[in-house]
Amino acid sequence: MLTVLHSRRTRQEVQRLIGEFRTSGLSRGEFCRIHGMTLSTLQRGLKRERTKPSDIQSDGKRLVRVKVTGGSGMYFPRKNGHGILGFIYCVVGIG
């Protein structure tokens, strides 16, 4: 049995290959075969790209930094023994 050892790709190299994949027009399997990479590496890179945090969402909303200046909490018991804990905060936008 022949064992082939592959060197580990850096994140930068995977990101570069993800960019190439996006513009290649090839299927995932074809792209991986041509570039000698595993399908799982490509899929993990695509997933990282989809889930990386961004300051601006696709609907144009932005995340802003806030400061919580105080608040109070209340517990609402339920018959099944699992209650609901609610909080009221005063939030001041700072970003």
PDB file of N, CA and C in Angstrom:
ATOM      1  N   MET A   1       0.844  -1.185   0.000  1.00  0.00           N
ATOM      2  CA  MET A   1       0.000   0.000   0.000  1.00  0.00           C
ATOM      3  C   MET A   1       0.884   1.241   0.000  1.00  0.00           C
ATOM      4  N   LEU A   2       0.587   2.172  -0.867  1.00  0.00           N
ATOM      5  CA  LEU A   2       1.356   3.401  -0.982  1.00  0.00           C
ATOM      6  C   LEU A   2       0.700   4.493  -0.149  1.00  0.00           C
ATOM      7  N   THR A   3       1.448   5.103   0.744  1.00  0.00           N
ATOM      8  CA  THR A   3       0.942   6.196   1.563  1.00  0.00           C
ATOM      9  C   THR A   3       1.563   7.498   1.082  1.00  0.00           C
ATOM     10  N   VAL A   4       0.732   8.465   0.800  1.00  0.00           N
ATOM     11  CA  VAL A   4       1.211   9.765   0.351  1.00  0.00           C
ATOM     12  C   VAL A   4       0.988  10.764   1.474  1.00  0.00           C
ATOM     13  N   LEU A   5       2.063  11.428   1.886  1.00  0.00           N
ATOM     14  CA  LEU A   5       1.949  12.441   2.923  1.00  0.00           C
ATOM     15  C   LEU A   5       1.779  13.802   2.270  1.00  0.00           C
ATOM     16  N   HIS A   6       0.814  14.555   2.731  1.00  0.00           N
ATOM     17  CA  HIS A   6       0.576  15.898   2.225  1.00  0.00           C
ATOM     18  C   HIS A   6       0.967  16.896   3.297  1.00  0.00           C
ATOM     19  N   SER A   7       1.584  17.986   2.884  1.00  0.00           N
ATOM     20  CA  SER A   7       1.901  19.018   3.867  1.00  0.00           C
ATOM     21  C   SER A   7       0.628  19.791   4.181  1.00  0.00           C
ATOM     22  N   ARG A   8       0.573  20.288   5.370  1.00  0.00           N
ATOM     23  CA  ARG A   8      -0.598  21.048   5.815  1.00  0.00           C
ATOM     24  C   ARG A   8      -0.609  22.409   5.135  1.00  0.00           C
ATOM     25  N   ARG A   9      -1.773  22.818   4.640  1.00  0.00           N
ATOM     26  CA  ARG A   9      -1.891  24.116   3.974  1.00  0.00           C
ATOM     27  C   ARG A   9      -2.112  25.202   5.020  1.00  0.00           C
ATOM     28  N   THR A  10      -1.550  26.366   4.780  1.00  0.00           N
ATOM     29  CA  THR A  10      -1.772  27.491   5.689  1.00  0.00           C
ATOM     30  C   THR A  10      -3.162  28.062   5.419  1.00  0.00           C
ATOM     31  N   ARG A  11      -3.688  28.813   6.367  1.00  0.00           N
ATOM     32  CA  ARG A  11      -4.991  29.465   6.163  1.00  0.00           C
ATOM     33  C   ARG A  11      -4.959  30.407   4.971  1.00  0.00           C
ATOM     34  N   GLN A  12      -3.836  31.106   4.820  1.00  0.00           N
ATOM     35  CA  GLN A  12      -3.707  32.033   3.701  1.00  0.00           C
ATOM     36  C   GLN A  12      -3.773  31.283   2.375  1.00  0.00           C
ATOM     37  N   GLU A  13      -3.115  30.118   2.319  1.00  0.00           N
ATOM     38  CA  GLU A  13      -3.135  29.331   1.087  1.00  0.00           C
ATOM     39  C   GLU A  13      -4.542  28.815   0.797  1.00  0.00           C
ATOM     40  N   VAL A  14      -5.245  28.361   1.840  1.00  0.00           N
ATOM     41  CA  VAL A  14      -6.618  27.879   1.659  1.00  0.00           C
ATOM     42  C   VAL A  14      -7.511  29.028   1.205  1.00  0.00           C
ATOM     43  N   GLN A  15      -7.358  30.220   1.793  1.00  0.00           N
ATOM     44  CA  GLN A  15      -8.159  31.384   1.388  1.00  0.00           C
ATOM     45  C   GLN A  15      -7.911  31.733  -0.073  1.00  0.00           C
ATOM     46  N   ARG A  16      -6.650  31.651  -0.503  1.00  0.00           N
ATOM     47  CA  ARG A  16      -6.310  31.921  -1.903  1.00  0.00           C
ATOM     48  C   ARG A  16      -6.998  30.907  -2.819  1.00  0.00           C
ATOM     49  N   LEU A  17      -6.964  29.625  -2.418  1.00  0.00           N
ATOM     50  CA  LEU A  17      -7.605  28.576  -3.221  1.00  0.00           C
ATOM     51  C   LEU A  17      -9.126  28.739  -3.244  1.00  0.00           C
ATOM     52  N   ILE A  18      -9.713  29.198  -2.141  1.00  0.00           N
ATOM     53  CA  ILE A  18     -11.160  29.445  -2.101  1.00  0.00           C
ATOM     54  C   ILE A  18     -11.509  30.529  -3.120  1.00  0.00           C
ATOM     55  N   GLY A  19     -10.700  31.580  -3.182  1.00  0.00           N
ATOM     56  CA  GLY A  19     -10.914  32.639  -4.172  1.00  0.00           C
ATOM     57  C   GLY A  19     -10.817  32.104  -5.589  1.00  0.00           C
ATOM     58  N   GLU A  20      -9.815  31.254  -5.841  1.00  0.00           N
ATOM     59  CA  GLU A  20      -9.667  30.645  -7.163  1.00  0.00           C
ATOM     60  C   GLU A  20     -10.867  29.762  -7.482  1.00  0.00           C
ATOM     61  N   PHE A  21     -11.326  29.004  -6.482  1.00  0.00           N
ATOM     62  CA  PHE A  21     -12.487  28.126  -6.698  1.00  0.00           C
ATOM     63  C   PHE A  21     -13.707  28.940  -7.100  1.00  0.00           C
ATOM     64  N   ARG A  22     -13.936  30.046  -6.409  1.00  0.00           N
ATOM     65  CA  ARG A  22     -15.115  30.883  -6.676  1.00  0.00           C
ATOM     66  C   ARG A  22     -15.153  31.372  -8.126  1.00  0.00           C
ATOM     67  N   THR A  23     -13.994  31.648  -8.701  1.00  0.00           N
ATOM     68  CA  THR A  23     -13.964  32.175 -10.069  1.00  0.00           C
ATOM     69  C   THR A  23     -13.719  31.097 -11.122  1.00  0.00           C
ATOM     70  N   SER A  24     -13.498  29.853 -10.688  1.00  0.00           N
ATOM     71  CA  SER A  24     -13.110  28.800 -11.629  1.00  0.00           C
ATOM     72  C   SER A  24     -14.265  28.247 -12.464  1.00  0.00           C
ATOM     73  N   GLY A  25     -15.467  28.253 -11.906  1.00  0.00           N
ATOM     74  CA  GLY A  25     -16.589  27.640 -12.614  1.00  0.00           C
ATOM     75  C   GLY A  25     -16.587  26.118 -12.529  1.00  0.00           C
ATOM     76  N   LEU A  26     -15.646  25.547 -11.785  1.00  0.00           N
ATOM     77  CA  LEU A  26     -15.547  24.099 -11.639  1.00  0.00           C
ATOM     78  C   LEU A  26     -16.404  23.610 -10.474  1.00  0.00           C
ATOM     79  N   SER A  27     -16.741  22.334 -10.500  1.00  0.00           N
ATOM     80  CA  SER A  27     -17.425  21.742  -9.344  1.00  0.00           C
ATOM     81  C   SER A  27     -16.398  21.593  -8.223  1.00  0.00           C
ATOM     82  N   ARG A  28     -16.866  21.365  -7.022  1.00  0.00           N
ATOM     83  CA  ARG A  28     -15.949  21.206  -5.882  1.00  0.00           C
ATOM     84  C   ARG A  28     -14.989  20.047  -6.116  1.00  0.00           C
ATOM     85  N   GLY A  29     -15.547  18.916  -6.545  1.00  0.00           N
ATOM     86  CA  GLY A  29     -14.718  17.725  -6.774  1.00  0.00           C
ATOM     87  C   GLY A  29     -13.662  17.941  -7.848  1.00  0.00           C
ATOM     88  N   GLU A  30     -14.045  18.550  -8.968  1.00  0.00           N
ATOM     89  CA  GLU A  30     -13.096  18.817 -10.057  1.00  0.00           C
ATOM     90  C   GLU A  30     -11.973  19.737  -9.587  1.00  0.00           C
ATOM     91  N   PHE A  31     -12.348  20.808  -8.876  1.00  0.00           N
ATOM     92  CA  PHE A  31     -11.364  21.765  -8.400  1.00  0.00           C
ATOM     93  C   PHE A  31     -10.372  21.079  -7.466  1.00  0.00           C
ATOM     94  N   CYS A  32     -10.871  20.256  -6.552  1.00  0.00           N
ATOM     95  CA  CYS A  32      -9.994  19.575  -5.591  1.00  0.00           C
ATOM     96  C   CYS A  32      -9.048  18.609  -6.301  1.00  0.00           C
ATOM     97  N   ARG A  33      -9.540  17.872  -7.276  1.00  0.00           N
ATOM     98  CA  ARG A  33      -8.687  16.951  -8.022  1.00  0.00           C
ATOM     99  C   ARG A  33      -7.559  17.698  -8.742  1.00  0.00           C
ATOM    100  N   ILE A  34      -7.903  18.786  -9.403  1.00  0.00           N
ATOM    101  CA  ILE A  34      -6.914  19.555 -10.156  1.00  0.00           C
ATOM    102  C   ILE A  34      -5.848  20.155  -9.240  1.00  0.00           C
ATOM    103  N   HIS A  35      -6.261  20.630  -8.054  1.00  0.00           N
ATOM    104  CA  HIS A  35      -5.337  21.316  -7.140  1.00  0.00           C
ATOM    105  C   HIS A  35      -4.763  20.406  -6.068  1.00  0.00           C
ATOM    106  N   GLY A  36      -5.082  19.116  -6.117  1.00  0.00           N
ATOM    107  CA  GLY A  36      -4.501  18.164  -5.165  1.00  0.00           C
ATOM    108  C   GLY A  36      -4.878  18.445  -3.725  1.00  0.00           C
ATOM    109  N   MET A  37      -6.113  18.861  -3.516  1.00  0.00           N
ATOM    110  CA  MET A  37      -6.569  19.116  -2.149  1.00  0.00           C
ATOM    111  C   MET A  37      -7.763  18.230  -1.846  1.00  0.00           C
ATOM    112  N   THR A  38      -8.015  18.013  -0.571  1.00  0.00           N
ATOM    113  CA  THR A  38      -9.159  17.193  -0.195  1.00  0.00           C
ATOM    114  C   THR A  38     -10.427  18.038  -0.226  1.00  0.00           C
ATOM    115  N   LEU A  39     -11.529  17.372  -0.462  1.00  0.00           N
ATOM    116  CA  LEU A  39     -12.815  18.046  -0.489  1.00  0.00           C
ATOM    117  C   LEU A  39     -13.121  18.655   0.875  1.00  0.00           C
ATOM    118  N   SER A  40     -12.725  17.969   1.942  1.00  0.00           N
ATOM    119  CA  SER A  40     -13.008  18.490   3.293  1.00  0.00           C
ATOM    120  C   SER A  40     -12.269  19.804   3.552  1.00  0.00           C
ATOM    121  N   THR A  41     -11.058  19.953   3.003  1.00  0.00           N
ATOM    122  CA  THR A  41     -10.327  21.214   3.166  1.00  0.00           C
ATOM    123  C   THR A  41     -11.055  22.345   2.468  1.00  0.00           C
ATOM    124  N   LEU A  42     -11.531  22.081   1.252  1.00  0.00           N
ATOM    125  CA  LEU A  42     -12.284  23.097   0.513  1.00  0.00           C
ATOM    126  C   LEU A  42     -13.572  23.457   1.247  1.00  0.00           C
ATOM    127  N   GLN A  43     -14.304  22.448   1.696  1.00  0.00           N
ATOM    128  CA  GLN A  43     -15.569  22.709   2.385  1.00  0.00           C
ATOM    129  C   GLN A  43     -15.358  23.472   3.686  1.00  0.00           C
ATOM    130  N   ARG A  44     -14.303  23.130   4.430  1.00  0.00           N
ATOM    131  CA  ARG A  44     -14.017  23.839   5.684  1.00  0.00           C
ATOM    132  C   ARG A  44     -13.668  25.303   5.388  1.00  0.00           C
ATOM    133  N   GLY A  45     -12.902  25.543   4.331  1.00  0.00           N
ATOM    134  CA  GLY A  45     -12.564  26.911   3.949  1.00  0.00           C
ATOM    135  C   GLY A  45     -13.787  27.708   3.534  1.00  0.00           C
ATOM    136  N   LEU A  46     -14.693  27.074   2.785  1.00  0.00           N
ATOM    137  CA  LEU A  46     -15.929  27.749   2.378  1.00  0.00           C
ATOM    138  C   LEU A  46     -16.799  28.067   3.588  1.00  0.00           C
ATOM    139  N   LYS A  47     -16.845  27.139   4.541  1.00  0.00           N
ATOM    140  CA  LYS A  47     -17.652  27.365   5.748  1.00  0.00           C
ATOM    141  C   LYS A  47     -17.066  28.505   6.574  1.00  0.00           C
ATOM    142  N   ARG A  48     -15.739  28.542   6.714  1.00  0.00           N
ATOM    143  CA  ARG A  48     -15.097  29.638   7.458  1.00  0.00           C
ATOM    144  C   ARG A  48     -15.418  30.980   6.821  1.00  0.00           C
ATOM    145  N   GLU A  49     -15.387  30.996   5.492  1.00  0.00           N
ATOM    146  CA  GLU A  49     -15.676  32.237   4.776  1.00  0.00           C
ATOM    147  C   GLU A  49     -17.115  32.690   5.015  1.00  0.00           C
ATOM    148  N   ARG A  50     -18.051  31.750   5.037  1.00  0.00           N
ATOM    149  CA  ARG A  50     -19.469  32.087   5.254  1.00  0.00           C
ATOM    150  C   ARG A  50     -19.734  32.570   6.664  1.00  0.00           C
ATOM    151  N   THR A  51     -19.008  32.025   7.629  1.00  0.00           N
ATOM    152  CA  THR A  51     -19.329  32.316   9.027  1.00  0.00           C
ATOM    153  C   THR A  51     -18.398  33.333   9.674  1.00  0.00           C
ATOM    154  N   LYS A  52     -17.467  33.908   8.913  1.00  0.00           N
ATOM    155  CA  LYS A  52     -16.576  34.875   9.552  1.00  0.00           C
ATOM    156  C   LYS A  52     -17.358  36.137   9.908  1.00  0.00           C
ATOM    157  N   PRO A  53     -17.071  36.700  11.077  1.00  0.00           N
ATOM    158  CA  PRO A  53     -17.826  37.873  11.512  1.00  0.00           C
ATOM    159  C   PRO A  53     -17.563  39.061  10.601  1.00  0.00           C
ATOM    160  N   SER A  54     -18.567  39.875  10.486  1.00  0.00           N
ATOM    161  CA  SER A  54     -18.450  41.063   9.656  1.00  0.00           C
ATOM    162  C   SER A  54     -19.162  42.192  10.357  1.00  0.00           C
ATOM    163  N   ASP A  55     -18.668  43.404  10.189  1.00  0.00           N
ATOM    164  CA  ASP A  55     -19.294  44.552  10.838  1.00  0.00           C
ATOM    165  C   ASP A  55     -20.610  44.937  10.171  1.00  0.00           C
ATOM    166  N   ILE A  56     -20.731  44.678   8.879  1.00  0.00           N
ATOM    167  CA  ILE A  56     -21.948  45.047   8.162  1.00  0.00           C
ATOM    168  C   ILE A  56     -22.590  43.787   7.607  1.00  0.00           C
ATOM    169  N   GLN A  57     -23.855  43.586   7.947  1.00  0.00           N
ATOM    170  CA  GLN A  57     -24.590  42.428   7.474  1.00  0.00           C
ATOM    171  C   GLN A  57     -25.091  42.676   6.066  1.00  0.00           C
ATOM    172  N   SER A  58     -25.551  41.603   5.403  1.00  0.00           N
ATOM    173  CA  SER A  58     -25.994  41.724   4.020  1.00  0.00           C
ATOM    174  C   SER A  58     -27.211  42.635   3.880  1.00  0.00           C
ATOM    175  N   ASP A  59     -27.993  42.819   4.941  1.00  0.00           N
ATOM    176  CA  ASP A  59     -29.160  43.694   4.846  1.00  0.00           C
ATOM    177  C   ASP A  59     -28.807  45.147   5.178  1.00  0.00           C
ATOM    178  N   GLY A  60     -27.516  45.453   5.305  1.00  0.00           N
ATOM    179  CA  GLY A  60     -27.080  46.821   5.516  1.00  0.00           C
ATOM    180  C   GLY A  60     -27.023  47.244   6.975  1.00  0.00           C
ATOM    181  N   LYS A  61     -27.449  46.389   7.898  1.00  0.00           N
ATOM    182  CA  LYS A  61     -27.404  46.740   9.317  1.00  0.00           C
ATOM    183  C   LYS A  61     -25.981  46.575   9.832  1.00  0.00           C
ATOM    184  N   ARG A  62     -25.605  47.446  10.781  1.00  0.00           N
ATOM    185  CA  ARG A  62     -24.275  47.391  11.363  1.00  0.00           C
ATOM    186  C   ARG A  62     -24.360  46.951  12.813  1.00  0.00           C
ATOM    187  N   LEU A  63     -23.314  46.301  13.273  1.00  0.00           N
ATOM    188  CA  LEU A  63     -23.181  46.018  14.685  1.00  0.00           C
ATOM    189  C   LEU A  63     -22.508  47.223  15.321  1.00  0.00           C
ATOM    190  N   VAL A  64     -23.008  47.651  16.462  1.00  0.00           N
ATOM    191  CA  VAL A  64     -22.400  48.780  17.154  1.00  0.00           C
ATOM    192  C   VAL A  64     -22.048  48.365  18.575  1.00  0.00           C
ATOM    193  N   ARG A  65     -20.990  48.954  19.076  1.00  0.00           N
ATOM    194  CA  ARG A  65     -20.570  48.688  20.441  1.00  0.00           C
ATOM    195  C   ARG A  65     -21.503  49.440  21.384  1.00  0.00           C
ATOM    196  N   VAL A  66     -21.940  48.797  22.462  1.00  0.00           N
ATOM    197  CA  VAL A  66     -22.816  49.455  23.432  1.00  0.00           C
ATOM    198  C   VAL A  66     -22.243  49.293  24.825  1.00  0.00           C
ATOM    199  N   LYS A  67     -22.684  50.155  25.698  1.00  0.00           N
ATOM    200  CA  LYS A  67     -22.296  50.074  27.105  1.00  0.00           C
ATOM    201  C   LYS A  67     -23.573  49.861  27.913  1.00  0.00           C
ATOM    202  N   VAL A  68     -23.572  48.824  28.730  1.00  0.00           N
ATOM    203  CA  VAL A  68     -24.718  48.545  29.589  1.00  0.00           C
ATOM    204  C   VAL A  68     -24.485  49.277  30.897  1.00  0.00           C
ATOM    205  N   THR A  69     -25.438  50.148  31.269  1.00  0.00           N
ATOM    206  CA  THR A  69     -25.214  51.003  32.435  1.00  0.00           C
ATOM    207  C   THR A  69     -26.003  50.583  33.658  1.00  0.00           C
ATOM    208  N   GLY A  70     -26.751  49.537  33.563  1.00  0.00           N
ATOM    209  CA  GLY A  70     -27.498  49.093  34.735  1.00  0.00           C
ATOM    210  C   GLY A  70     -28.651  48.223  34.305  1.00  0.00           C
ATOM    211  N   GLY A  71     -29.280  47.622  35.225  1.00  0.00           N
ATOM    212  CA  GLY A  71     -30.414  46.789  34.861  1.00  0.00           C
ATOM    213  C   GLY A  71     -30.941  46.031  36.054  1.00  0.00           C
ATOM    214  N   SER A  72     -32.023  45.333  35.816  1.00  0.00           N
ATOM    215  CA  SER A  72     -32.591  44.513  36.874  1.00  0.00           C
ATOM    216  C   SER A  72     -33.148  43.251  36.235  1.00  0.00           C
ATOM    217  N   GLY A  73     -33.245  42.229  37.029  1.00  0.00           N
ATOM    218  CA  GLY A  73     -33.741  40.961  36.519  1.00  0.00           C
ATOM    219  C   GLY A  73     -34.929  40.474  37.308  1.00  0.00           C
ATOM    220  N   MET A  74     -35.756  39.662  36.666  1.00  0.00           N
ATOM    221  CA  MET A  74     -36.913  39.063  37.333  1.00  0.00           C
ATOM    222  C   MET A  74     -36.998  37.602  36.925  1.00  0.00           C
ATOM    223  N   TYR A  75     -37.460  36.782  37.837  1.00  0.00           N
ATOM    224  CA  TYR A  75     -37.651  35.365  37.554  1.00  0.00           C
ATOM    225  C   TYR A  75     -39.144  35.089  37.525  1.00  0.00           C
ATOM    226  N   PHE A  76     -39.592  34.452  36.457  1.00  0.00           N
ATOM    227  CA  PHE A  76     -41.006  34.119  36.313  1.00  0.00           C
ATOM    228  C   PHE A  76     -41.157  32.608  36.393  1.00  0.00           C
ATOM    229  N   PRO A  77     -41.571  32.080  37.553  1.00  0.00           N
ATOM    230  CA  PRO A  77     -41.698  30.626  37.697  1.00  0.00           C
ATOM    231  C   PRO A  77     -42.843  30.078  36.842  1.00  0.00           C
ATOM    232  N   ARG A  78     -42.672  28.854  36.369  1.00  0.00           N
ATOM    233  CA  ARG A  78     -43.724  28.184  35.614  1.00  0.00           C
ATOM    234  C   ARG A  78     -44.070  26.878  36.306  1.00  0.00           C
ATOM    235  N   LYS A  79     -45.232  26.348  36.008  1.00  0.00           N
ATOM    236  CA  LYS A  79     -45.713  25.133  36.685  1.00  0.00           C
ATOM    237  C   LYS A  79     -44.809  23.932  36.452  1.00  0.00           C
ATOM    238  N   ASN A  80     -44.154  23.861  35.306  1.00  0.00           N
ATOM    239  CA  ASN A  80     -43.313  22.697  35.007  1.00  0.00           C
ATOM    240  C   ASN A  80     -41.956  22.753  35.715  1.00  0.00           C
ATOM    241  N   GLY A  81     -41.717  23.779  36.505  1.00  0.00           N
ATOM    242  CA  GLY A  81     -40.473  23.890  37.258  1.00  0.00           C
ATOM    243  C   GLY A  81     -39.376  24.657  36.542  1.00  0.00           C
ATOM    244  N   HIS A  82     -39.572  24.924  35.266  1.00  0.00           N
ATOM    245  CA  HIS A  82     -38.599  25.699  34.508  1.00  0.00           C
ATOM    246  C   HIS A  82     -39.115  27.121  34.371  1.00  0.00           C
ATOM    247  N   GLY A  83     -38.414  28.041  34.965  1.00  0.00           N
ATOM    248  CA  GLY A  83     -38.855  29.427  34.913  1.00  0.00           C
ATOM    249  C   GLY A  83     -38.190  30.198  33.800  1.00  0.00           C
ATOM    250  N   ILE A  84     -38.600  31.424  33.657  1.00  0.00           N
ATOM    251  CA  ILE A  84     -38.024  32.330  32.672  1.00  0.00           C
ATOM    252  C   ILE A  84     -37.349  33.460  33.426  1.00  0.00           C
ATOM    253  N   LEU A  85     -36.123  33.715  33.076  1.00  0.00           N
ATOM    254  CA  LEU A  85     -35.372  34.802  33.695  1.00  0.00           C
ATOM    255  C   LEU A  85     -35.334  35.953  32.697  1.00  0.00           C
ATOM    256  N   GLY A  86     -35.826  37.103  33.105  1.00  0.00           N
ATOM    257  CA  GLY A  86     -35.859  38.260  32.203  1.00  0.00           C
ATOM    258  C   GLY A  86     -35.052  39.394  32.775  1.00  0.00           C
ATOM    259  N   PHE A  87     -34.448  40.167  31.902  1.00  0.00           N
ATOM    260  CA  PHE A  87     -33.649  41.306  32.320  1.00  0.00           C
ATOM    261  C   PHE A  87     -34.088  42.560  31.572  1.00  0.00           C
ATOM    262  N   ILE A  88     -33.965  43.673  32.241  1.00  0.00           N
ATOM    263  CA  ILE A  88     -34.224  44.981  31.619  1.00  0.00           C
ATOM    264  C   ILE A  88     -32.940  45.781  31.793  1.00  0.00           C
ATOM    265  N   TYR A  89     -32.423  46.288  30.694  1.00  0.00           N
ATOM    266  CA  TYR A  89     -31.179  47.044  30.727  1.00  0.00           C
ATOM    267  C   TYR A  89     -31.361  48.415  30.136  1.00  0.00           C
ATOM    268  N   CYS A  90     -30.527  49.321  30.570  1.00  0.00           N
ATOM    269  CA  CYS A  90     -30.430  50.634  29.946  1.00  0.00           C
ATOM    270  C   CYS A  90     -29.165  50.570  29.086  1.00  0.00           C
ATOM    271  N   VAL A  91     -29.318  50.705  27.775  1.00  0.00           N
ATOM    272  CA  VAL A  91     -28.187  50.578  26.871  1.00  0.00           C
ATOM    273  C   VAL A  91     -27.907  51.929  26.231  1.00  0.00           C
ATOM    274  N   VAL A  92     -26.643  52.312  26.267  1.00  0.00           N
ATOM    275  CA  VAL A  92     -26.214  53.559  25.663  1.00  0.00           C
ATOM    276  C   VAL A  92     -25.257  53.228  24.529  1.00  0.00           C
ATOM    277  N   GLY A  93     -25.571  53.665  23.310  1.00  0.00           N
ATOM    278  CA  GLY A  93     -24.686  53.397  22.168  1.00  0.00           C
ATOM    279  C   GLY A  93     -23.437  54.233  22.269  1.00  0.00           C
ATOM    280  N   ILE A  94     -22.275  53.592  22.051  1.00  0.00           N
ATOM    281  CA  ILE A  94     -21.017  54.332  22.131  1.00  0.00           C
ATOM    282  C   ILE A  94     -20.185  54.166  20.864  1.00  0.00           C
ATOM    283  N   GLY A  95     -20.672  53.462  19.853  1.00  0.00           N
ATOM    284  CA  GLY A  95     -19.828  53.240  18.689  1.00  0.00           C
ATOM    285  C   GLY A  95     -20.568  53.517  17.498  1.00  0.00           C
TER     286      GLY A  95
END
